């Protein structure tokens, strides 16, 4: 019986297993071959197997392969890959070509990617050149030289080395590479990185780093340590000149940034709508309290304890909000991480709620000697702090998803949620426990 038809199937299965189990080794192999050959091999594999290997490719190789893959597979990779990988590839396109790719992606994905692509004017990410061609740890000198030939760029004085995760691991001088014995491991001629900056670091820090370390190329990393670009000498000098001119303006009293000193009318126009919304939400919280006016008039202790529940849930929500907003602004998390972030904050709120409720319950028992009142405030505290953790994580992500500024509106919405949930849970449970409280609470 002939086994020839089974051989291609067996080879395809082995290739798929290799891509899934050893994506970094597969990436190294693809980087050593022409992009057309790599694309041809990947095009016949299942999407989920291609994704892992493509994410591990150096950004310049990932770009070349992407353009040679079938369009549906290429769009799948841009959509499903980690955002930092997709951004590293998209930033290498010119504006029109990048927009053409974005136009074919789902709107939800595009919103997220545009947020990550939009660096502030005065940060390192705006100054950097994202067209990077790093070497890999574990290469030999011969493999590194071959990689340099594939890059086909003139004027390079040094190349940067990354590990399998794309994190910056060192640098190699091109002169050292040319003179080294080809059989040597690349690690023998790899030098320590003199300096680096984060993609969100302000221009002032870039200039300060340049002044401390006179280097020709400054590597840029993101919040995960992944190497994403280089600020070259020309951009470094331009940053120094601009920083110097800004210092001169400051010396004579001219502000280089008018946002903090904008006109009152502009500030009012930006803030007043949200304050009006806050007023409406305050009435909503007041309406919730009004629903339980009878219970409050019957048990005056509830009025005393009501601010305790609202205050604790408000603080818990503010903590979750601050951590989530920091993660969004520093690009530690993206919108697709919302289940993990919400799960973490919900669990944190629940555990903190139980701990704070135990302390509160003890204090209330010493004060009132009422087990019914203790049960009311303990249950309300746990529920409200759990809800506050969820809201603190969800509100800024929802606002970012719908194109609003989380810094402006999150606190207003969060305050409403924590007040309404805190009041409703406390007073609602108190209504259920009213017969028991009637015996001990006045």
Protein backbone atom coordinates (compact mmCIF):
# COMPACT_ATOMS: atom_id res chain seq x y z
CA UNK A 1 0.00 0.00 0.00
CA UNK A 2 1.35 3.46 -0.94
CA UNK A 3 2.01 5.90 1.88
CA UNK A 4 2.76 8.93 -0.30
CA UNK A 5 -0.57 10.72 0.36
CA UNK A 6 -0.04 10.31 4.10
CA UNK A 7 3.38 11.95 4.05
CA UNK A 8 2.18 15.54 3.38
CA UNK A 9 -0.46 15.09 6.07
CA UNK A 10 2.14 13.88 8.55
CA UNK A 11 4.47 16.75 7.68
CA UNK A 12 1.68 19.28 8.12
CA UNK A 13 0.77 17.78 11.50
CA UNK A 14 4.39 17.87 12.64
CA UNK A 15 4.74 21.48 11.50
CA UNK A 16 1.60 22.46 13.37
CA UNK A 17 2.83 20.75 16.54
CA UNK A 18 6.20 22.48 16.20
CA UNK A 19 4.56 25.91 15.81
CA UNK A 20 2.38 25.35 18.87
CA UNK A 21 5.02 23.83 21.15
CA UNK A 22 8.10 25.77 20.06
CA UNK A 23 6.95 29.15 18.67
CA UNK A 24 10.23 30.94 19.51
CA UNK A 25 12.36 28.30 17.77
CA UNK A 26 9.98 28.47 14.80
CA UNK A 27 10.34 32.25 14.72
CA UNK A 28 14.13 31.95 14.55
CA UNK A 29 13.86 29.58 11.62
CA UNK A 30 11.47 31.91 9.79
CA UNK A 31 13.77 34.86 10.39
CA UNK A 32 16.63 32.97 8.73
CA UNK A 33 14.72 32.26 5.52
CA UNK A 34 13.17 34.51 2.85
CA UNK A 35 9.89 36.05 3.95
CA UNK A 36 8.11 34.50 0.99
CA UNK A 37 9.09 30.99 2.11
CA UNK A 38 8.03 31.69 5.68
CA UNK A 39 4.68 33.03 4.50
CA UNK A 40 4.12 30.00 2.28
CA UNK A 41 4.71 27.64 5.19
CA UNK A 42 2.43 29.59 7.54
CA UNK A 43 -0.38 30.06 5.02
CA UNK A 44 -1.29 26.36 5.07
CA UNK A 45 -1.33 26.03 8.86
CA UNK A 46 -4.29 26.56 11.23
CA UNK A 47 -4.76 30.14 12.37
CA UNK A 48 -4.14 29.48 16.04
CA UNK A 49 -0.80 27.78 15.27
CA UNK A 50 0.29 30.63 12.98
CA UNK A 51 -0.57 33.22 15.62
CA UNK A 52 1.93 32.03 18.23
CA UNK A 53 4.84 31.88 15.80
CA UNK A 54 3.98 35.21 14.16
CA UNK A 55 3.84 36.96 17.55
CA UNK A 56 7.39 35.75 18.25
CA UNK A 57 8.86 37.16 15.01
CA UNK A 58 11.00 40.29 14.99
CA UNK A 59 8.76 43.25 14.02
CA UNK A 60 10.39 43.84 10.63
CA UNK A 61 10.07 40.15 9.67
CA UNK A 62 6.51 40.01 11.02
CA UNK A 63 5.66 42.93 8.73
CA UNK A 64 7.13 41.28 5.63
CA UNK A 65 5.38 37.99 6.35
CA UNK A 66 2.07 39.72 7.09
CA UNK A 67 1.99 41.37 3.67
CA UNK A 68 2.59 38.03 1.95
CA UNK A 69 -0.05 36.04 3.83
CA UNK A 70 -3.63 35.62 2.58
CA UNK A 71 -5.62 38.67 3.61
CA UNK A 72 -8.08 36.85 5.92
CA UNK A 73 -5.21 35.23 7.81
CA UNK A 74 -3.30 38.52 8.03
CA UNK A 75 -6.33 40.33 9.44
CA UNK A 76 -6.87 37.51 11.95
CA UNK A 77 -3.29 37.94 13.19
CA UNK A 78 -3.67 41.70 13.63
CA UNK A 79 -6.92 41.22 15.52
CA UNK A 80 -5.94 38.32 17.80
CA UNK A 81 -2.27 39.05 18.52
CA UNK A 82 -1.22 40.80 21.70
CA UNK A 83 -1.79 44.55 21.16
CA UNK A 84 1.91 45.35 21.66
CA UNK A 85 2.77 42.99 18.79
CA UNK A 86 0.13 44.42 16.49
CA UNK A 87 1.22 47.97 17.30
CA UNK A 88 4.88 47.14 16.63
CA UNK A 89 3.88 45.98 13.14
CA UNK A 90 1.35 48.71 12.32
CA UNK A 91 3.72 51.53 13.27
CA UNK A 92 6.08 50.44 10.50
CA UNK A 93 3.48 51.25 7.82
CA UNK A 94 3.14 54.75 6.47
CA UNK A 95 -0.06 56.59 7.35
CA UNK A 96 -2.19 55.64 4.33
CA UNK A 97 -1.22 51.99 4.36
CA UNK A 98 -1.81 51.70 8.10
CA UNK A 99 -5.27 53.24 7.69
CA UNK A 100 -6.06 50.75 4.91
CA UNK A 101 -5.28 47.85 7.25
CA UNK A 102 -7.23 49.39 10.13
CA UNK A 103 -10.26 49.92 7.88
CA UNK A 104 -10.59 46.15 7.46
CA UNK A 105 -10.54 45.33 11.18
CA UNK A 106 -13.49 45.21 13.58
CA UNK A 107 -14.45 48.65 14.98
CA UNK A 108 -13.87 47.50 18.56
CA UNK A 109 -10.31 46.42 17.74
CA UNK A 110 -9.64 49.64 15.82
CA UNK A 111 -10.69 51.80 18.79
CA UNK A 112 -8.26 49.97 21.03
CA UNK A 113 -5.39 50.07 18.52
CA UNK A 114 -5.85 53.77 17.77
CA UNK A 115 -5.61 54.50 21.48
CA UNK A 116 -2.31 52.64 21.65
CA UNK A 117 -1.00 54.24 18.46
CA UNK A 118 -1.71 57.77 19.70
CA UNK A 119 1.45 58.78 21.55
CA UNK A 120 1.53 62.23 23.12
CA UNK A 121 3.59 64.82 21.27
CA UNK A 122 6.18 65.14 24.01
CA UNK A 123 6.93 61.48 24.81
CA UNK A 124 9.60 59.04 23.67
CA UNK A 125 7.12 57.01 21.61
CA UNK A 126 6.57 60.01 19.34
CA UNK A 127 10.32 60.47 18.80
CA UNK A 128 11.21 56.84 18.14
CA UNK A 129 11.69 55.00 14.86
CA UNK A 130 9.67 51.76 15.16
CA UNK A 131 11.41 50.11 12.19
CA UNK A 132 13.69 47.90 14.24
CA UNK A 133 15.58 44.75 13.29
CA UNK A 134 16.85 43.13 16.48
CA UNK A 135 19.10 40.10 16.83
CA UNK A 136 18.20 37.13 19.01
CA UNK A 137 19.94 35.77 22.07
CA UNK A 138 21.32 32.31 21.30
CA UNK A 139 22.41 33.23 17.78
CA UNK A 140 25.91 32.59 16.52
CA UNK A 141 27.95 35.35 14.91
CA UNK A 142 27.35 33.74 11.50
CA UNK A 143 23.58 33.81 12.01
CA UNK A 144 23.76 37.43 13.16
CA UNK A 145 25.76 38.41 10.06
CA UNK A 146 23.19 36.72 7.85
CA UNK A 147 20.44 38.59 9.69
CA UNK A 148 22.33 41.85 9.09
CA UNK A 149 22.44 41.08 5.38
CA UNK A 150 18.70 40.54 5.34
CA UNK A 151 18.09 43.91 6.96
CA UNK A 152 19.76 45.73 4.03
CA UNK A 153 20.07 49.05 5.81
CA UNK A 154 23.04 51.36 5.62
CA UNK A 155 24.47 53.51 8.37
CA UNK A 156 23.95 50.99 11.17
CA UNK A 157 26.57 51.18 13.90
CA UNK A 158 24.99 48.79 16.37
CA UNK A 159 22.16 46.29 16.61
CA UNK A 160 20.14 45.47 19.68
CA UNK A 161 19.64 41.96 21.03
CA UNK A 162 16.33 40.67 22.41
CA UNK A 163 15.28 37.47 24.17
CA UNK A 164 12.51 35.13 23.04
CA UNK A 165 9.86 37.43 24.55
CA UNK A 166 11.20 40.43 22.65
CA UNK A 167 12.66 42.05 25.77
CA UNK A 168 15.82 44.09 25.42
CA UNK A 169 18.85 41.97 26.38
CA UNK A 170 21.93 43.81 25.02
CA UNK A 171 23.59 45.41 22.01
CA UNK A 172 26.19 44.42 19.43
CA UNK A 173 28.53 46.78 17.61
CA UNK A 174 28.54 46.15 13.86
CA UNK A 175 32.35 46.43 13.87
CA UNK A 176 32.60 43.68 16.51
CA UNK A 177 30.22 41.55 14.46
CA UNK A 178 32.33 41.92 11.32
CA UNK A 179 35.60 41.04 13.07
CA UNK A 180 34.40 38.15 15.25
CA UNK A 181 34.91 34.48 14.43
CA UNK A 182 31.74 33.20 12.77
CA UNK A 183 31.40 30.15 15.03
CA UNK A 184 31.35 32.20 18.23
CA UNK A 185 28.05 32.60 20.11
CA UNK A 186 26.67 36.09 19.80
CA UNK A 187 26.72 36.43 23.58
CA UNK A 188 30.55 36.62 23.45
CA UNK A 189 30.41 40.01 21.73
CA UNK A 190 27.13 41.28 23.21
CA UNK A 191 27.53 44.38 25.34
CA UNK A 192 25.33 45.81 28.06
CA UNK A 193 22.78 48.41 27.05
CA UNK A 194 24.11 51.80 28.12
CA UNK A 195 20.69 53.40 28.52
CA UNK A 196 17.09 53.05 27.46
CA UNK A 197 13.77 54.88 27.90
CA UNK A 198 10.14 53.87 28.13
CA UNK A 199 7.78 54.74 25.30
CA UNK A 200 5.72 57.01 27.60
CA UNK A 201 8.71 58.78 29.16
CA UNK A 202 8.52 62.56 28.59
CA UNK A 203 10.91 64.38 26.29
CA UNK A 204 12.68 65.86 29.30
CA UNK A 205 13.80 62.39 30.41
CA UNK A 206 14.96 61.55 26.88
CA UNK A 207 17.07 64.70 26.83
CA UNK A 208 18.42 64.01 30.31
CA UNK A 209 19.38 60.47 29.29
CA UNK A 210 21.19 61.80 26.23
CA UNK A 211 23.12 64.31 28.30
CA UNK A 212 24.27 61.58 30.69
CA UNK A 213 25.11 59.04 27.97
CA UNK A 214 26.41 60.41 24.64
CA UNK A 215 25.09 57.61 22.42
CA UNK A 216 23.99 57.48 18.79
CA UNK A 217 20.87 55.36 19.28
CA UNK A 218 18.63 55.16 22.32
CA UNK A 219 16.45 52.02 22.58
CA UNK A 220 12.79 52.38 23.58
CA UNK A 221 10.83 49.74 25.49
CA UNK A 222 7.18 49.46 26.49
CA UNK A 223 5.73 48.72 29.93
CA UNK A 224 6.44 44.98 29.56
CA UNK A 225 10.10 45.54 28.68
CA UNK A 226 9.57 44.67 25.01
CA UNK A 227 11.94 46.45 22.62
CA UNK A 228 9.74 48.54 20.29
CA UNK A 229 11.90 51.22 18.69
CA UNK A 230 14.98 53.42 18.55
CA UNK A 231 15.43 57.14 18.97
CA UNK A 232 18.25 57.98 16.59
CA UNK A 233 20.78 60.74 16.95
CA UNK A 234 18.93 63.20 14.71
CA UNK A 235 15.76 62.86 16.79
CA UNK A 236 17.82 63.07 19.97
CA UNK A 237 19.41 66.33 18.89
CA UNK A 238 16.03 67.73 17.83
CA UNK A 239 14.69 66.85 21.28
CA UNK A 240 17.62 68.65 22.92
CA UNK A 241 17.06 71.77 20.80
CA UNK A 242 13.34 71.82 21.54
CA UNK A 243 13.91 71.27 25.26
CA UNK A 244 16.43 74.14 25.28
CA UNK A 245 13.99 76.48 23.55
CA UNK A 246 11.26 75.51 26.03
CA UNK A 247 13.61 76.31 28.93
CA UNK A 248 14.25 79.76 27.44
CA UNK A 249 10.51 80.40 27.13
CA UNK A 250 10.03 79.37 30.73
CA UNK A 251 12.78 81.71 31.89
CA UNK A 252 10.94 84.72 30.44
CA UNK A 253 7.59 83.63 31.80
CA UNK A 254 6.05 82.12 28.65
CA UNK A 255 4.35 78.77 29.21
CA UNK A 256 5.31 76.01 26.76
CA UNK A 257 2.07 74.18 27.55
CA UNK A 258 -1.14 76.17 27.90
CA UNK A 259 -3.38 73.29 28.95
CA UNK A 260 -2.88 73.88 32.66
CA UNK A 261 -3.32 77.63 32.15
CA UNK A 262 -6.17 77.54 29.68
CA UNK A 263 -8.89 80.18 29.84
CA UNK A 264 -11.68 79.79 32.42
CA UNK A 265 -14.22 79.57 29.60
CA UNK A 266 -12.45 76.57 28.12
CA UNK A 267 -12.25 74.90 31.54
CA UNK A 268 -15.95 75.56 32.14
CA UNK A 269 -16.89 74.16 28.74
CA UNK A 270 -15.00 70.94 29.47
CA UNK A 271 -16.11 70.47 33.08
CA UNK A 272 -19.63 71.87 33.39
CA UNK A 273 -21.46 69.12 31.43
CA UNK A 274 -20.01 66.48 33.72
CA UNK A 275 -20.87 68.50 36.82
CA UNK A 276 -24.47 68.75 35.61
CA UNK A 277 -24.50 64.98 35.11
CA UNK A 278 -23.09 64.60 38.61
CA UNK A 279 -25.97 66.69 39.96
CA UNK A 280 -28.48 64.38 38.32
CA UNK A 281 -26.78 61.32 39.72
CA UNK A 282 -26.72 62.90 43.18
CA UNK A 283 -30.49 63.25 42.96
CA UNK A 284 -30.62 59.58 42.00
CA UNK A 285 -28.72 58.62 45.16
CA UNK A 286 -31.00 60.89 47.19
CA UNK A 287 -34.03 59.19 45.65
CA UNK A 288 -32.74 55.83 46.83
CA UNK A 289 -32.50 57.14 50.38
CA UNK A 290 -36.00 58.58 50.03
CA UNK A 291 -37.37 55.13 49.27
CA UNK A 292 -36.41 54.03 52.77
CA UNK A 293 -37.45 57.17 54.65
CA UNK A 294 -39.75 55.18 56.87
CA UNK A 295 -37.06 52.75 57.95
CA UNK A 296 -34.60 55.59 58.67
CA UNK A 297 -37.18 57.45 60.79
CA UNK A 298 -37.87 54.26 62.75
CA UNK A 299 -34.17 53.42 63.36
CA UNK A 300 -32.06 56.55 63.77
CA UNK A 301 -28.92 54.42 64.04
CA UNK A 302 -29.20 53.79 60.31
CA UNK A 303 -28.68 57.49 59.57
CA UNK A 304 -25.54 57.43 61.70
CA UNK A 305 -24.07 54.40 59.92
CA UNK A 306 -25.16 55.24 56.38
CA UNK A 307 -22.09 57.44 55.61
CA UNK A 308 -19.80 54.65 56.85
CA UNK A 309 -21.02 52.21 54.19
CA UNK A 310 -20.99 54.82 51.41
CA UNK A 311 -17.58 56.14 52.42
CA UNK A 312 -15.89 52.72 52.55
CA UNK A 313 -17.34 51.61 49.23
CA UNK A 314 -16.34 54.95 47.69
CA UNK A 315 -12.75 54.51 48.85
CA UNK A 316 -12.62 50.92 47.60
CA UNK A 317 -13.94 52.00 44.22
CA UNK A 318 -11.46 54.87 44.03
CA UNK A 319 -8.57 52.46 44.63
CA UNK A 320 -9.73 50.12 41.86
CA UNK A 321 -10.32 53.10 39.58
CA UNK A 322 -6.82 54.51 40.17
CA UNK A 323 -5.09 51.20 39.47
CA UNK A 324 -7.15 50.57 36.32
CA UNK A 325 -6.65 54.08 34.94
CA UNK A 326 -2.93 53.89 35.58
CA UNK A 327 -2.82 50.58 33.73
CA UNK A 328 -4.68 52.10 30.76
CA UNK A 329 -2.55 55.21 30.57
CA UNK A 330 0.74 53.30 30.95
CA UNK A 331 -0.51 50.68 28.46
CA UNK A 332 -0.02 47.87 30.96
CA UNK A 333 -3.54 46.73 30.05
CA UNK A 334 -5.85 47.17 27.09
CA UNK A 335 -9.59 46.85 26.57
CA UNK A 336 -9.31 43.16 25.78
CA UNK A 337 -7.98 42.54 29.31
CA UNK A 338 -11.27 43.64 30.91
CA UNK A 339 -12.34 40.16 32.15
CA UNK A 340 -9.04 39.62 33.96
CA UNK A 341 -8.99 43.13 35.44
CA UNK A 342 -12.62 42.94 36.58
CA UNK A 343 -12.08 39.51 38.09
CA UNK A 344 -9.07 40.71 40.03
CA UNK A 345 -10.79 43.84 41.33
CA UNK A 346 -13.99 41.98 42.20
CA UNK A 347 -12.05 39.41 44.22
CA UNK A 348 -10.04 42.19 45.88
CA UNK A 349 -13.23 44.06 46.75
CA UNK A 350 -14.82 40.92 48.17
CA UNK A 351 -11.84 40.06 50.39
CA UNK A 352 -11.39 43.65 51.55
CA UNK A 353 -15.16 43.87 52.14
CA UNK A 354 -15.13 40.83 54.41
CA UNK A 355 -12.13 42.15 56.36
CA UNK A 356 -13.54 45.68 56.76
CA UNK A 357 -17.00 44.30 57.55
CA UNK A 358 -15.58 42.22 60.40
CA UNK A 359 -13.98 45.29 61.95
CA UNK A 360 -17.10 47.39 61.38
CA UNK A 361 -19.35 44.70 62.80
CA UNK A 362 -17.29 44.53 65.98
CA UNK A 363 -17.41 48.31 66.42
CA UNK A 364 -21.16 48.43 65.78
CA UNK A 365 -21.81 45.65 68.28
CA UNK A 366 -19.82 47.46 70.98
CA UNK A 367 -21.79 50.63 70.21
CA UNK A 368 -25.32 49.22 69.77
CA UNK A 369 -25.30 45.72 71.31
CA UNK A 370 -27.57 44.71 68.43
CA UNK A 371 -26.68 41.58 66.47
CA UNK A 372 -29.35 42.46 63.89
CA UNK A 373 -27.73 45.82 63.18
CA UNK A 374 -24.33 44.13 62.98
CA UNK A 375 -25.69 41.69 60.40
CA UNK A 376 -27.14 44.54 58.35
CA UNK A 377 -23.97 46.56 58.16
CA UNK A 378 -21.72 43.51 57.60
CA UNK A 379 -23.78 42.27 54.65
CA UNK A 380 -24.11 45.77 53.19
CA UNK A 381 -20.37 46.42 53.54
CA UNK A 382 -19.42 43.23 51.69
CA UNK A 383 -21.94 43.84 48.89
CA UNK A 384 -21.07 47.51 48.40
CA UNK A 385 -17.28 46.99 48.41
CA UNK A 386 -17.59 44.08 45.98
CA UNK A 387 -19.67 46.26 43.64
CA UNK A 388 -17.25 49.17 44.08
CA UNK A 389 -14.31 47.02 42.95
CA UNK A 390 -16.22 45.92 39.87
CA UNK A 391 -17.28 49.48 39.04
CA UNK A 392 -13.78 50.88 39.58
CA UNK A 393 -12.42 48.51 36.95
CA UNK A 394 -15.36 48.62 34.52
CA UNK A 395 -16.15 52.34 34.37
CA UNK A 396 -12.84 53.61 32.87
CA UNK A 397 -12.73 50.74 30.38
CA UNK A 398 -16.27 51.43 29.21
CA UNK A 399 -15.53 55.13 28.84
CA UNK A 400 -12.37 54.36 26.84
CA UNK A 401 -14.34 51.91 24.72
CA UNK A 402 -16.88 54.61 23.80
CA UNK A 403 -14.26 57.25 23.10
CA UNK A 404 -14.62 59.29 26.31
CA UNK A 405 -11.82 60.51 28.56
CA UNK A 406 -11.73 58.29 31.68
CA UNK A 407 -9.88 60.97 33.65
CA UNK A 408 -12.77 63.41 33.28
CA UNK A 409 -15.82 61.24 33.86
CA UNK A 410 -14.83 58.11 35.78
CA UNK A 411 -14.98 59.57 39.27
CA UNK A 412 -18.46 61.04 38.70
CA UNK A 413 -19.92 57.77 37.47
CA UNK A 414 -18.11 55.75 40.12
CA UNK A 415 -19.42 57.97 42.92
CA UNK A 416 -22.95 57.42 41.67
CA UNK A 417 -22.54 53.66 41.52
CA UNK A 418 -20.98 53.36 44.98
CA UNK A 419 -23.54 55.69 46.59
CA UNK A 420 -26.57 54.01 45.01
CA UNK A 421 -25.35 50.47 45.69
CA UNK A 422 -24.17 51.36 49.20
CA UNK A 423 -27.40 53.12 50.17
CA UNK A 424 -29.66 50.54 48.55
CA UNK A 425 -27.87 47.51 50.02
CA UNK A 426 -27.68 48.99 53.52
CA UNK A 427 -31.22 50.32 53.70
CA UNK A 428 -32.70 47.40 51.78
CA UNK A 429 -31.18 44.84 54.12
CA UNK A 430 -32.22 46.99 57.08
CA UNK A 431 -35.82 46.84 55.84
CA UNK A 432 -35.63 43.05 55.75
CA UNK A 433 -34.14 42.92 59.25
CA UNK A 434 -36.51 45.56 60.68
CA UNK A 435 -38.49 43.11 62.85
CA UNK A 436 -35.28 41.88 64.48
CA UNK A 437 -33.83 45.37 64.93
CA UNK A 438 -37.05 46.63 66.50
CA UNK A 439 -36.16 44.68 69.65
CA UNK A 440 -32.76 46.29 70.22
CA UNK A 441 -32.31 49.41 68.04
CA UNK A 442 -33.92 52.80 68.43
